[in-house]
Amino acid sequence: MKIFLDTADIAEIREAASLGILDGVTTNPSLVAKEGRDFFTVLREIVSIVNGPISAEVTATDRDGMLREADALAAIHPNIVIKVPLTLAGLQACKTLRAKDLRVNVTLCFSPSQALLAAKAGASYISPFVGRLDDISQDGMELIGQIRTIYDNYGFETEILAASIRHPLHVVQAALAGADVATMPYKVVTQILHHPLTDIGLEKFLADWRKQQK
């Protein structure tokens, strides 16, 4: 499973890239707003660090507006993936952009039938928001499994990008359910890295080594 970082924080992206585990980045207007920086400047920095798909979301809600924004975003770098919402206008924009050979991430997916429509519209990625479903007492990971089955049944090439990842267990569950990608905040990456038994084991090794040096 590919690992994407869900952030617009350049320092976090550099740190994750230094680990050799980072396959791509997803952003959205909320994440960029937190940084208080120009959207295009941030995207140019990201593509200079990460050699992989960089999802950049449009803010327009109509098809023509999405297409205009998509053209500007795509001009930044070939690795830019245009992120559109799973709406009527979003699917119309997806179809048009795919005809121009631009990759599209269809986001804000909350049902398997929505995911089916996105795949038929040619989406490169579908982004089911598992954490937000969990928040309203629905099983987000069940959605990942349902989409996986539907896509496999009919040979859709759309990649399943598990989004709204909240904790390490979500990452494991997404991998077991067959997600192609999991996108997560950097804090989840650090939570995965820091297991208490790893820390205890390392300290024991070092303590034994120090005894041998006396």
N, C-alpha and C. Protein backbone atom coordinates (compact mmCIF):
# COMPACT_ATOMS: atom_id res chain seq x y z
N MET A 1 0.84 -1.20 0.00
CA MET A 1 0.00 0.00 0.00
C MET A 1 0.88 1.25 0.00
N LYS A 2 0.50 2.21 -0.84
CA LYS A 2 1.24 3.47 -0.90
C LYS A 2 0.86 4.35 0.30
N ILE A 3 1.82 5.15 0.74
CA ILE A 3 1.59 6.07 1.84
C ILE A 3 1.73 7.50 1.32
N PHE A 4 0.65 8.28 1.48
CA PHE A 4 0.65 9.70 1.15
C PHE A 4 0.56 10.47 2.46
N LEU A 5 1.10 11.67 2.46
CA LEU A 5 0.97 12.56 3.61
C LEU A 5 -0.13 13.56 3.32
N ASP A 6 -1.04 13.72 4.26
CA ASP A 6 -2.16 14.65 4.10
C ASP A 6 -1.81 15.94 4.84
N THR A 7 -1.18 16.87 4.14
CA THR A 7 -0.67 18.07 4.78
C THR A 7 -0.27 19.10 3.74
N ALA A 8 -0.04 20.33 4.19
CA ALA A 8 0.59 21.36 3.36
C ALA A 8 1.79 21.92 4.09
N ASP A 9 2.20 21.24 5.16
CA ASP A 9 3.34 21.66 5.98
C ASP A 9 4.64 21.15 5.34
N ILE A 10 5.43 22.05 4.82
CA ILE A 10 6.65 21.67 4.09
C ILE A 10 7.64 20.93 4.98
N ALA A 11 7.75 21.35 6.24
CA ALA A 11 8.68 20.69 7.16
C ALA A 11 8.29 19.23 7.38
N GLU A 12 7.00 18.98 7.53
CA GLU A 12 6.52 17.61 7.70
C GLU A 12 6.79 16.78 6.46
N ILE A 13 6.59 17.37 5.30
CA ILE A 13 6.81 16.64 4.05
C ILE A 13 8.28 16.29 3.89
N ARG A 14 9.17 17.23 4.20
CA ARG A 14 10.60 16.95 4.10
C ARG A 14 11.00 15.82 5.05
N GLU A 15 10.47 15.85 6.27
CA GLU A 15 10.81 14.82 7.26
C GLU A 15 10.33 13.45 6.80
N ALA A 16 9.09 13.37 6.32
CA ALA A 16 8.56 12.10 5.86
C ALA A 16 9.32 11.59 4.63
N ALA A 17 9.67 12.50 3.74
CA ALA A 17 10.43 12.11 2.55
C ALA A 17 11.79 11.56 2.92
N SER A 18 12.39 12.09 3.98
CA SER A 18 13.72 11.63 4.41
C SER A 18 13.69 10.19 4.92
N LEU A 19 12.50 9.70 5.29
CA LEU A 19 12.37 8.33 5.77
C LEU A 19 12.33 7.32 4.64
N GLY A 20 12.10 7.79 3.42
CA GLY A 20 12.03 6.89 2.28
C GLY A 20 10.71 6.14 2.17
N ILE A 21 9.67 6.63 2.85
CA ILE A 21 8.38 5.93 2.85
C ILE A 21 7.30 6.68 2.09
N LEU A 22 7.60 7.88 1.65
CA LEU A 22 6.57 8.77 1.13
C LEU A 22 6.36 8.60 -0.37
N ASP A 23 5.13 8.25 -0.75
CA ASP A 23 4.81 8.03 -2.16
C ASP A 23 4.09 9.20 -2.81
N GLY A 24 3.50 10.07 -1.99
CA GLY A 24 2.75 11.20 -2.54
C GLY A 24 2.21 12.07 -1.44
N VAL A 25 1.46 13.11 -1.83
CA VAL A 25 0.91 14.07 -0.87
C VAL A 25 -0.51 14.43 -1.32
N THR A 26 -1.39 14.62 -0.34
CA THR A 26 -2.71 15.17 -0.63
C THR A 26 -2.86 16.49 0.13
N THR A 27 -3.48 17.45 -0.50
CA THR A 27 -3.73 18.75 0.13
C THR A 27 -5.19 19.12 -0.10
N ASN A 28 -5.62 20.13 0.62
CA ASN A 28 -6.95 20.70 0.39
C ASN A 28 -6.92 22.14 0.88
N PRO A 29 -7.94 22.93 0.56
CA PRO A 29 -7.92 24.35 0.97
C PRO A 29 -7.76 24.56 2.47
N SER A 30 -8.33 23.68 3.28
CA SER A 30 -8.22 23.83 4.73
C SER A 30 -6.77 23.65 5.19
N LEU A 31 -6.08 22.67 4.64
CA LEU A 31 -4.69 22.41 5.03
C LEU A 31 -3.79 23.57 4.61
N VAL A 32 -4.01 24.11 3.42
CA VAL A 32 -3.18 25.22 2.95
C VAL A 32 -3.46 26.47 3.78
N ALA A 33 -4.73 26.67 4.14
CA ALA A 33 -5.09 27.85 4.94
C ALA A 33 -4.37 27.85 6.29
N LYS A 34 -4.14 26.67 6.85
CA LYS A 34 -3.43 26.56 8.13
C LYS A 34 -2.01 27.11 8.03
N GLU A 35 -1.43 26.99 6.84
CA GLU A 35 -0.04 27.43 6.64
C GLU A 35 0.06 28.93 6.40
N GLY A 36 -1.05 29.56 6.02
CA GLY A 36 -1.04 31.00 5.79
C GLY A 36 -0.14 31.41 4.63
N ARG A 37 -0.03 30.55 3.62
CA ARG A 37 0.86 30.83 2.49
C ARG A 37 0.09 30.71 1.18
N ASP A 38 0.67 31.24 0.12
CA ASP A 38 0.06 31.14 -1.21
C ASP A 38 0.00 29.68 -1.66
N PHE A 39 -1.17 29.27 -2.12
CA PHE A 39 -1.42 27.89 -2.53
C PHE A 39 -0.42 27.42 -3.58
N PHE A 40 -0.21 28.21 -4.61
CA PHE A 40 0.67 27.80 -5.71
C PHE A 40 2.13 27.72 -5.26
N THR A 41 2.53 28.62 -4.38
CA THR A 41 3.89 28.57 -3.85
C THR A 41 4.12 27.28 -3.08
N VAL A 42 3.14 26.92 -2.26
CA VAL A 42 3.23 25.68 -1.48
C VAL A 42 3.33 24.47 -2.41
N LEU A 43 2.49 24.43 -3.43
CA LEU A 43 2.50 23.30 -4.35
C LEU A 43 3.83 23.17 -5.08
N ARG A 44 4.41 24.30 -5.48
CA ARG A 44 5.71 24.24 -6.17
C ARG A 44 6.80 23.69 -5.25
N GLU A 45 6.72 24.03 -3.97
CA GLU A 45 7.69 23.48 -3.03
C GLU A 45 7.50 21.98 -2.86
N ILE A 46 6.25 21.56 -2.77
CA ILE A 46 5.96 20.14 -2.57
C ILE A 46 6.47 19.30 -3.73
N VAL A 47 6.21 19.74 -4.96
CA VAL A 47 6.65 18.94 -6.12
C VAL A 47 8.17 18.92 -6.24
N SER A 48 8.84 19.87 -5.62
CA SER A 48 10.30 19.86 -5.64
C SER A 48 10.87 18.86 -4.63
N ILE A 49 10.04 18.42 -3.69
CA ILE A 49 10.48 17.49 -2.65
C ILE A 49 10.05 16.06 -2.93
N VAL A 50 8.81 15.90 -3.39
CA VAL A 50 8.21 14.57 -3.54
C VAL A 50 8.05 14.21 -5.01
N ASN A 51 8.64 13.11 -5.40
CA ASN A 51 8.50 12.63 -6.78
C ASN A 51 7.36 11.62 -6.84
N GLY A 52 6.17 12.13 -6.72
CA GLY A 52 4.98 11.28 -6.73
C GLY A 52 3.74 12.13 -6.89
N PRO A 53 2.56 11.50 -6.88
CA PRO A 53 1.32 12.25 -7.09
C PRO A 53 1.07 13.27 -5.98
N ILE A 54 0.71 14.48 -6.38
CA ILE A 54 0.40 15.56 -5.44
C ILE A 54 -1.03 16.02 -5.73
N SER A 55 -1.96 15.67 -4.87
CA SER A 55 -3.35 16.06 -5.09
C SER A 55 -3.59 17.49 -4.66
N ALA A 56 -4.07 18.31 -5.59
CA ALA A 56 -4.36 19.72 -5.34
C ALA A 56 -5.84 19.95 -5.65
N GLU A 57 -6.57 20.44 -4.66
CA GLU A 57 -8.03 20.52 -4.78
C GLU A 57 -8.50 21.85 -5.35
N VAL A 58 -9.49 21.75 -6.23
CA VAL A 58 -10.13 22.96 -6.75
C VAL A 58 -11.09 23.50 -5.71
N THR A 59 -11.43 24.78 -5.82
CA THR A 59 -12.38 25.39 -4.89
C THR A 59 -13.69 25.77 -5.58
N ALA A 60 -13.69 25.79 -6.89
CA ALA A 60 -14.92 26.09 -7.63
C ALA A 60 -15.93 24.95 -7.42
N THR A 61 -17.20 25.27 -7.53
CA THR A 61 -18.23 24.25 -7.37
C THR A 61 -18.96 23.95 -8.68
N ASP A 62 -18.67 24.72 -9.73
CA ASP A 62 -19.27 24.47 -11.04
C ASP A 62 -18.24 23.85 -11.97
N ARG A 63 -18.71 23.13 -12.98
CA ARG A 63 -17.82 22.40 -13.88
C ARG A 63 -16.81 23.31 -14.56
N ASP A 64 -17.24 24.41 -15.15
CA ASP A 64 -16.34 25.29 -15.88
C ASP A 64 -15.30 25.91 -14.95
N GLY A 65 -15.75 26.29 -13.75
CA GLY A 65 -14.81 26.84 -12.79
C GLY A 65 -13.75 25.82 -12.38
N MET A 66 -14.18 24.59 -12.18
CA MET A 66 -13.23 23.52 -11.84
C MET A 66 -12.21 23.31 -12.95
N LEU A 67 -12.67 23.35 -14.18
CA LEU A 67 -11.77 23.13 -15.31
C LEU A 67 -10.76 24.26 -15.44
N ARG A 68 -11.19 25.48 -15.20
CA ARG A 68 -10.26 26.61 -15.26
C ARG A 68 -9.18 26.47 -14.17
N GLU A 69 -9.61 26.16 -12.96
CA GLU A 69 -8.65 25.99 -11.87
C GLU A 69 -7.73 24.80 -12.14
N ALA A 70 -8.29 23.73 -12.70
CA ALA A 70 -7.50 22.54 -13.00
C ALA A 70 -6.38 22.85 -13.99
N ASP A 71 -6.67 23.64 -15.00
CA ASP A 71 -5.65 23.99 -15.98
C ASP A 71 -4.48 24.72 -15.32
N ALA A 72 -4.81 25.64 -14.41
CA ALA A 72 -3.76 26.39 -13.71
C ALA A 72 -2.93 25.49 -12.81
N LEU A 73 -3.60 24.56 -12.12
CA LEU A 73 -2.90 23.64 -11.22
C LEU A 73 -2.03 22.67 -12.01
N ALA A 74 -2.57 22.13 -13.09
CA ALA A 74 -1.83 21.15 -13.89
C ALA A 74 -0.58 21.76 -14.51
N ALA A 75 -0.60 23.05 -14.74
CA ALA A 75 0.56 23.72 -15.35
C ALA A 75 1.75 23.78 -14.40
N ILE A 76 1.53 23.55 -13.11
CA ILE A 76 2.63 23.62 -12.14
C ILE A 76 3.64 22.51 -12.37
N HIS A 77 3.13 21.28 -12.55
CA HIS A 77 4.03 20.12 -12.67
C HIS A 77 3.23 18.90 -13.12
N PRO A 78 3.83 17.98 -13.88
CA PRO A 78 3.11 16.78 -14.31
C PRO A 78 2.63 15.89 -13.16
N ASN A 79 3.23 16.01 -11.98
CA ASN A 79 2.81 15.18 -10.84
C ASN A 79 1.55 15.67 -10.14
N ILE A 80 1.06 16.85 -10.53
CA ILE A 80 -0.16 17.37 -9.91
C ILE A 80 -1.36 16.53 -10.33
N VAL A 81 -2.14 16.10 -9.33
CA VAL A 81 -3.40 15.39 -9.55
C VAL A 81 -4.52 16.34 -9.15
N ILE A 82 -5.48 16.52 -10.03
CA ILE A 82 -6.57 17.45 -9.77
C ILE A 82 -7.60 16.78 -8.86
N LYS A 83 -7.90 17.45 -7.76
CA LYS A 83 -8.83 16.90 -6.77
C LYS A 83 -10.17 17.62 -6.90
N VAL A 84 -11.23 16.85 -7.16
CA VAL A 84 -12.56 17.42 -7.33
C VAL A 84 -13.54 16.72 -6.38
N PRO A 85 -14.60 17.40 -5.96
CA PRO A 85 -15.57 16.77 -5.07
C PRO A 85 -16.48 15.81 -5.82
N LEU A 86 -17.04 14.86 -5.07
CA LEU A 86 -17.94 13.88 -5.68
C LEU A 86 -19.35 14.47 -5.77
N THR A 87 -19.48 15.38 -6.74
CA THR A 87 -20.75 16.03 -7.05
C THR A 87 -21.01 15.85 -8.54
N LEU A 88 -22.16 16.26 -8.99
CA LEU A 88 -22.47 16.20 -10.42
C LEU A 88 -21.44 16.97 -11.22
N ALA A 89 -21.17 18.21 -10.81
CA ALA A 89 -20.18 19.03 -11.51
C ALA A 89 -18.79 18.41 -11.42
N GLY A 90 -18.49 17.81 -10.26
CA GLY A 90 -17.19 17.18 -10.07
C GLY A 90 -16.96 16.02 -11.02
N LEU A 91 -17.99 15.20 -11.20
CA LEU A 91 -17.87 14.07 -12.12
C LEU A 91 -17.81 14.55 -13.57
N GLN A 92 -18.54 15.60 -13.90
CA GLN A 92 -18.44 16.16 -15.25
C GLN A 92 -17.02 16.67 -15.51
N ALA A 93 -16.46 17.35 -14.53
CA ALA A 93 -15.09 17.85 -14.66
C ALA A 93 -14.10 16.69 -14.76
N CYS A 94 -14.34 15.65 -13.97
CA CYS A 94 -13.47 14.47 -13.99
C CYS A 94 -13.41 13.87 -15.40
N LYS A 95 -14.55 13.68 -16.00
CA LYS A 95 -14.61 13.10 -17.35
C LYS A 95 -13.82 13.95 -18.34
N THR A 96 -14.00 15.27 -18.28
CA THR A 96 -13.31 16.17 -19.20
C THR A 96 -11.80 16.16 -18.97
N LEU A 97 -11.40 16.19 -17.72
CA LEU A 97 -9.97 16.21 -17.39
C LEU A 97 -9.29 14.90 -17.78
N ARG A 98 -9.98 13.79 -17.59
CA ARG A 98 -9.39 12.50 -17.97
C ARG A 98 -9.23 12.41 -19.49
N ALA A 99 -10.16 13.04 -20.23
CA ALA A 99 -10.04 13.06 -21.70
C ALA A 99 -8.81 13.85 -22.13
N LYS A 100 -8.36 14.77 -21.26
CA LYS A 100 -7.14 15.55 -21.52
C LYS A 100 -5.92 14.87 -20.92
N ASP A 101 -6.11 13.63 -20.44
CA ASP A 101 -5.03 12.83 -19.86
C ASP A 101 -4.46 13.43 -18.59
N LEU A 102 -5.31 14.14 -17.83
CA LEU A 102 -4.92 14.64 -16.52
C LEU A 102 -5.48 13.69 -15.45
N ARG A 103 -4.70 13.40 -14.44
CA ARG A 103 -5.16 12.52 -13.37
C ARG A 103 -6.10 13.28 -12.43
N VAL A 104 -7.09 12.54 -11.92
CA VAL A 104 -8.12 13.16 -11.08
C VAL A 104 -8.35 12.33 -9.82
N ASN A 105 -8.38 13.01 -8.69
CA ASN A 105 -8.72 12.40 -7.41
C ASN A 105 -10.11 12.89 -7.04
N VAL A 106 -11.08 11.99 -7.03
CA VAL A 106 -12.45 12.36 -6.67
C VAL A 106 -12.60 12.16 -5.16
N THR A 107 -12.88 13.24 -4.47
CA THR A 107 -12.84 13.23 -3.01
C THR A 107 -14.23 13.36 -2.38
N LEU A 108 -14.26 13.19 -1.06
CA LEU A 108 -15.50 13.27 -0.28
C LEU A 108 -16.48 12.16 -0.69
N CYS A 109 -15.94 10.94 -0.74
CA CYS A 109 -16.75 9.76 -1.05
C CYS A 109 -17.21 9.12 0.26
N PHE A 110 -18.50 8.81 0.34
CA PHE A 110 -19.05 8.22 1.56
C PHE A 110 -19.93 6.99 1.31
N SER A 111 -20.00 6.54 0.05
CA SER A 111 -20.80 5.34 -0.22
C SER A 111 -20.20 4.56 -1.39
N PRO A 112 -20.45 3.24 -1.46
CA PRO A 112 -19.92 2.44 -2.56
C PRO A 112 -20.53 2.84 -3.90
N SER A 113 -21.79 3.27 -3.90
CA SER A 113 -22.42 3.66 -5.16
C SER A 113 -21.78 4.95 -5.70
N GLN A 114 -21.41 5.87 -4.81
CA GLN A 114 -20.68 7.06 -5.25
C GLN A 114 -19.35 6.65 -5.88
N ALA A 115 -18.66 5.71 -5.25
CA ALA A 115 -17.37 5.25 -5.76
C ALA A 115 -17.51 4.60 -7.13
N LEU A 116 -18.61 3.90 -7.34
CA LEU A 116 -18.87 3.28 -8.64
C LEU A 116 -19.01 4.34 -9.73
N LEU A 117 -19.78 5.40 -9.43
CA LEU A 117 -19.95 6.48 -10.40
C LEU A 117 -18.61 7.16 -10.72
N ALA A 118 -17.80 7.38 -9.69
CA ALA A 118 -16.50 8.04 -9.90
C ALA A 118 -15.62 7.19 -10.81
N ALA A 119 -15.62 5.88 -10.59
CA ALA A 119 -14.80 5.00 -11.43
C ALA A 119 -15.28 5.03 -12.87
N LYS A 120 -16.60 5.03 -13.06
CA LYS A 120 -17.14 5.08 -14.42
C LYS A 120 -16.83 6.41 -15.10
N ALA A 121 -16.67 7.48 -14.30
CA ALA A 121 -16.30 8.78 -14.87
C ALA A 121 -14.80 8.87 -15.17
N GLY A 122 -14.07 7.82 -14.79
CA GLY A 122 -12.65 7.76 -15.12
C GLY A 122 -11.70 8.20 -14.03
N ALA A 123 -12.18 8.34 -12.79
CA ALA A 123 -11.32 8.81 -11.70
C ALA A 123 -10.03 7.99 -11.59
N SER A 124 -8.94 8.70 -11.39
CA SER A 124 -7.67 8.02 -11.14
C SER A 124 -7.62 7.49 -9.72
N TYR A 125 -8.17 8.29 -8.79
CA TYR A 125 -8.26 7.93 -7.38
C TYR A 125 -9.65 8.23 -6.87
N ILE A 126 -10.12 7.40 -5.95
CA ILE A 126 -11.34 7.69 -5.20
C ILE A 126 -10.94 7.82 -3.73
N SER A 127 -11.44 8.86 -3.07
CA SER A 127 -11.05 9.11 -1.67
C SER A 127 -12.23 8.94 -0.72
N PRO A 128 -12.42 7.72 -0.19
CA PRO A 128 -13.43 7.51 0.85
C PRO A 128 -12.90 8.04 2.19
N PHE A 129 -13.75 8.79 2.90
CA PHE A 129 -13.33 9.42 4.16
C PHE A 129 -13.73 8.51 5.33
N VAL A 130 -12.84 7.60 5.70
CA VAL A 130 -13.19 6.59 6.70
C VAL A 130 -13.39 7.20 8.08
N GLY A 131 -12.55 8.14 8.47
CA GLY A 131 -12.66 8.73 9.80
C GLY A 131 -13.97 9.47 10.00
N ARG A 132 -14.41 10.17 8.98
CA ARG A 132 -15.65 10.93 9.12
C ARG A 132 -16.86 10.01 9.22
N LEU A 133 -16.79 8.84 8.58
CA LEU A 133 -17.86 7.86 8.73
C LEU A 133 -17.85 7.29 10.15
N ASP A 134 -16.66 6.98 10.66
CA ASP A 134 -16.55 6.50 12.04
C ASP A 134 -17.16 7.51 13.01
N ASP A 135 -16.97 8.80 12.70
CA ASP A 135 -17.47 9.86 13.59
C ASP A 135 -18.98 9.84 13.75
N ILE A 136 -19.68 9.31 12.74
CA ILE A 136 -21.15 9.26 12.82
C ILE A 136 -21.64 7.83 13.02
N SER A 137 -20.77 7.00 13.61
CA SER A 137 -21.11 5.62 14.00
C SER A 137 -21.36 4.71 12.81
N GLN A 138 -20.69 4.99 11.68
CA GLN A 138 -20.67 4.06 10.56
C GLN A 138 -19.26 3.49 10.43
N ASP A 139 -19.15 2.30 9.85
CA ASP A 139 -17.86 1.63 9.73
C ASP A 139 -17.16 2.09 8.45
N GLY A 140 -16.20 3.00 8.61
CA GLY A 140 -15.49 3.52 7.44
C GLY A 140 -14.74 2.45 6.68
N MET A 141 -14.16 1.51 7.39
CA MET A 141 -13.38 0.46 6.73
C MET A 141 -14.25 -0.52 5.95
N GLU A 142 -15.50 -0.67 6.37
CA GLU A 142 -16.41 -1.50 5.60
C GLU A 142 -16.59 -0.91 4.20
N LEU A 143 -16.61 0.42 4.11
CA LEU A 143 -16.72 1.09 2.81
C LEU A 143 -15.52 0.77 1.93
N ILE A 144 -14.32 0.77 2.51
CA ILE A 144 -13.13 0.43 1.73
C ILE A 144 -13.27 -0.97 1.13
N GLY A 145 -13.71 -1.93 1.95
CA GLY A 145 -13.89 -3.30 1.47
C GLY A 145 -14.93 -3.42 0.38
N GLN A 146 -16.03 -2.67 0.53
CA GLN A 146 -17.08 -2.71 -0.48
C GLN A 146 -16.60 -2.15 -1.82
N ILE A 147 -15.87 -1.04 -1.76
CA ILE A 147 -15.34 -0.45 -2.99
C ILE A 147 -14.34 -1.40 -3.64
N ARG A 148 -13.48 -2.03 -2.82
CA ARG A 148 -12.49 -2.97 -3.35
C ARG A 148 -13.17 -4.09 -4.13
N THR A 149 -14.24 -4.64 -3.54
CA THR A 149 -14.97 -5.73 -4.20
C THR A 149 -15.59 -5.27 -5.51
N ILE A 150 -16.23 -4.11 -5.49
CA ILE A 150 -16.87 -3.59 -6.71
C ILE A 150 -15.83 -3.34 -7.80
N TYR A 151 -14.75 -2.70 -7.44
CA TYR A 151 -13.74 -2.40 -8.45
C TYR A 151 -13.11 -3.67 -9.01
N ASP A 152 -12.86 -4.64 -8.16
CA ASP A 152 -12.28 -5.90 -8.62
C ASP A 152 -13.27 -6.69 -9.48
N ASN A 153 -14.55 -6.61 -9.14
CA ASN A 153 -15.57 -7.32 -9.92
C ASN A 153 -15.59 -6.89 -11.38
N TYR A 154 -15.32 -5.59 -11.61
CA TYR A 154 -15.49 -5.05 -12.95
C TYR A 154 -14.21 -4.51 -13.57
N GLY A 155 -13.09 -4.73 -12.90
CA GLY A 155 -11.81 -4.36 -13.48
C GLY A 155 -11.55 -2.87 -13.56
N PHE A 156 -12.17 -2.09 -12.68
CA PHE A 156 -11.89 -0.65 -12.67
C PHE A 156 -10.45 -0.41 -12.21
N GLU A 157 -9.78 0.52 -12.87
CA GLU A 157 -8.39 0.82 -12.53
C GLU A 157 -8.26 1.96 -11.52
N THR A 158 -9.36 2.56 -11.13
CA THR A 158 -9.34 3.63 -10.12
C THR A 158 -8.71 3.12 -8.83
N GLU A 159 -7.74 3.86 -8.30
CA GLU A 159 -7.09 3.45 -7.06
C GLU A 159 -7.88 3.95 -5.85
N ILE A 160 -8.01 3.08 -4.86
CA ILE A 160 -8.73 3.44 -3.63
C ILE A 160 -7.77 4.11 -2.68
N LEU A 161 -8.06 5.37 -2.36
CA LEU A 161 -7.20 6.18 -1.50
C LEU A 161 -7.94 6.42 -0.17
N ALA A 162 -7.58 5.64 0.84
CA ALA A 162 -8.24 5.77 2.15
C ALA A 162 -7.85 7.11 2.77
N ALA A 163 -8.85 7.96 2.99
CA ALA A 163 -8.61 9.30 3.52
C ALA A 163 -9.28 9.46 4.88
N SER A 164 -9.02 10.59 5.52
CA SER A 164 -9.52 10.85 6.87
C SER A 164 -9.02 9.77 7.83
N ILE A 165 -7.76 9.39 7.65
CA ILE A 165 -7.09 8.43 8.55
C ILE A 165 -6.80 9.13 9.87
N ARG A 166 -7.19 8.52 10.98
CA ARG A 166 -7.09 9.16 12.28
C ARG A 166 -6.01 8.58 13.19
N HIS A 167 -5.63 7.30 12.97
CA HIS A 167 -4.72 6.64 13.89
C HIS A 167 -4.08 5.43 13.21
N PRO A 168 -3.04 4.84 13.82
CA PRO A 168 -2.35 3.70 13.19
C PRO A 168 -3.24 2.52 12.86
N LEU A 169 -4.25 2.24 13.70
CA LEU A 169 -5.14 1.11 13.40
C LEU A 169 -5.86 1.31 12.08
N HIS A 170 -6.23 2.54 11.76
CA HIS A 170 -6.85 2.82 10.47
C HIS A 170 -5.92 2.41 9.33
N VAL A 171 -4.63 2.65 9.49
CA VAL A 171 -3.66 2.31 8.44
C VAL A 171 -3.63 0.80 8.23
N VAL A 172 -3.56 0.04 9.31
CA VAL A 172 -3.55 -1.42 9.22
C VAL A 172 -4.85 -1.92 8.59
N GLN A 173 -5.96 -1.39 9.04
CA GLN A 173 -7.26 -1.82 8.51
C GLN A 173 -7.39 -1.50 7.03
N ALA A 174 -6.89 -0.34 6.62
CA ALA A 174 -6.96 0.04 5.20
C ALA A 174 -6.13 -0.92 4.35
N ALA A 175 -4.96 -1.29 4.85
CA ALA A 175 -4.11 -2.23 4.12
C ALA A 175 -4.77 -3.60 4.02
N LEU A 176 -5.37 -4.06 5.12
CA LEU A 176 -6.04 -5.36 5.11
C LEU A 176 -7.27 -5.36 4.21
N ALA A 177 -7.93 -4.21 4.11
CA ALA A 177 -9.14 -4.12 3.28
C ALA A 177 -8.82 -3.97 1.80
N GLY A 178 -7.54 -3.76 1.48
CA GLY A 178 -7.16 -3.68 0.07
C GLY A 178 -7.06 -2.30 -0.51
N ALA A 179 -6.98 -1.27 0.33
CA ALA A 179 -6.79 0.08 -0.19
C ALA A 179 -5.45 0.16 -0.93
N ASP A 180 -5.43 0.91 -2.01
CA ASP A 180 -4.18 1.09 -2.77
C ASP A 180 -3.29 2.12 -2.10
N VAL A 181 -3.92 3.09 -1.44
CA VAL A 181 -3.20 4.21 -0.83
C VAL A 181 -3.86 4.54 0.50
N ALA A 182 -3.06 4.97 1.47
CA ALA A 182 -3.60 5.58 2.69
C ALA A 182 -2.94 6.95 2.83
N THR A 183 -3.75 7.98 2.97
CA THR A 183 -3.20 9.31 3.18
C THR A 183 -3.47 9.73 4.61
N MET A 184 -2.46 10.25 5.28
CA MET A 184 -2.58 10.46 6.73
C MET A 184 -1.81 11.70 7.17
N PRO A 185 -2.20 12.26 8.32
CA PRO A 185 -1.40 13.34 8.90
C PRO A 185 -0.04 12.81 9.34
N TYR A 186 0.93 13.70 9.43
CA TYR A 186 2.27 13.27 9.83
C TYR A 186 2.28 12.67 11.23
N LYS A 187 1.39 13.14 12.11
CA LYS A 187 1.38 12.61 13.48
C LYS A 187 1.06 11.11 13.48
N VAL A 188 0.29 10.63 12.51
CA VAL A 188 0.00 9.19 12.45
C VAL A 188 1.25 8.42 12.05
N VAL A 189 2.05 8.99 11.15
CA VAL A 189 3.32 8.35 10.78
C VAL A 189 4.21 8.20 12.01
N THR A 190 4.30 9.25 12.82
CA THR A 190 5.15 9.19 14.02
C THR A 190 4.58 8.21 15.04
N GLN A 191 3.25 8.12 15.13
CA GLN A 191 2.64 7.16 16.05
C GLN A 191 2.95 5.73 15.63
N ILE A 192 2.98 5.48 14.33
CA ILE A 192 3.33 4.14 13.84
C ILE A 192 4.77 3.80 14.20
N LEU A 193 5.65 4.78 14.07
CA LEU A 193 7.07 4.55 14.32
C LEU A 193 7.38 4.23 15.77
N HIS A 194 6.69 4.90 16.69
CA HIS A 194 7.05 4.82 18.10
C HIS A 194 6.22 3.78 18.84
N HIS A 195 6.73 2.54 18.82
CA HIS A 195 6.09 1.46 19.57
C HIS A 195 6.83 1.30 20.89
N PRO A 196 6.12 1.19 22.02
CA PRO A 196 6.80 1.10 23.32
C PRO A 196 7.74 -0.10 23.44
N LEU A 197 7.39 -1.22 22.83
CA LEU A 197 8.26 -2.40 22.92
C LEU A 197 9.55 -2.20 22.12
N THR A 198 9.47 -1.43 21.04
CA THR A 198 10.70 -1.11 20.30
C THR A 198 11.62 -0.27 21.18
N ASP A 199 11.05 0.72 21.86
CA ASP A 199 11.85 1.59 22.73
C ASP A 199 12.45 0.79 23.88
N ILE A 200 11.65 -0.09 24.50
CA ILE A 200 12.15 -0.90 25.61
C ILE A 200 13.25 -1.85 25.15
N GLY A 201 13.03 -2.46 23.99
CA GLY A 201 14.02 -3.40 23.46
C GLY A 201 15.34 -2.71 23.14
N LEU A 202 15.25 -1.53 22.54
CA LEU A 202 16.47 -0.79 22.20
C LEU A 202 17.23 -0.40 23.45
N GLU A 203 16.51 0.07 24.47
CA GLU A 203 17.17 0.46 25.71
C GLU A 203 17.86 -0.73 26.37
N LYS A 204 17.24 -1.91 26.29
CA LYS A 204 17.87 -3.11 26.87
C LYS A 204 19.15 -3.46 26.12
N PHE A 205 19.10 -3.41 24.79
CA PHE A 205 20.31 -3.70 24.00
C PHE A 205 21.44 -2.75 24.38
N LEU A 206 21.09 -1.46 24.49
CA LEU A 206 22.11 -0.46 24.79
C LEU A 206 22.66 -0.62 26.20
N ALA A 207 21.75 -0.98 27.15
CA ALA A 207 22.20 -1.20 28.53
C ALA A 207 23.16 -2.38 28.60
N ASP A 208 22.83 -3.46 27.89
CA ASP A 208 23.72 -4.63 27.88
C ASP A 208 25.06 -4.29 27.23
N TRP A 209 25.02 -3.46 26.21
CA TRP A 209 26.26 -3.06 25.53
C TRP A 209 27.15 -2.24 26.45
N ARG A 210 26.50 -1.31 27.19
CA ARG A 210 27.28 -0.50 28.13
C ARG A 210 27.94 -1.34 29.20
N LYS A 211 27.27 -2.39 29.65
CA LYS A 211 27.86 -3.28 30.65
C LYS A 211 29.12 -3.97 30.10
N GLN A 212 29.07 -4.32 28.82
CA GLN A 212 30.21 -5.00 28.20
C GLN A 212 31.41 -4.07 28.04
N GLN A 213 31.17 -2.77 28.05
CA GLN A 213 32.26 -1.81 27.82
C GLN A 213 32.98 -1.46 29.11
N LYS A 214 32.48 -1.92 30.25
CA LYS A 214 33.11 -1.60 31.53
C LYS A 214 34.30 -2.51 31.80
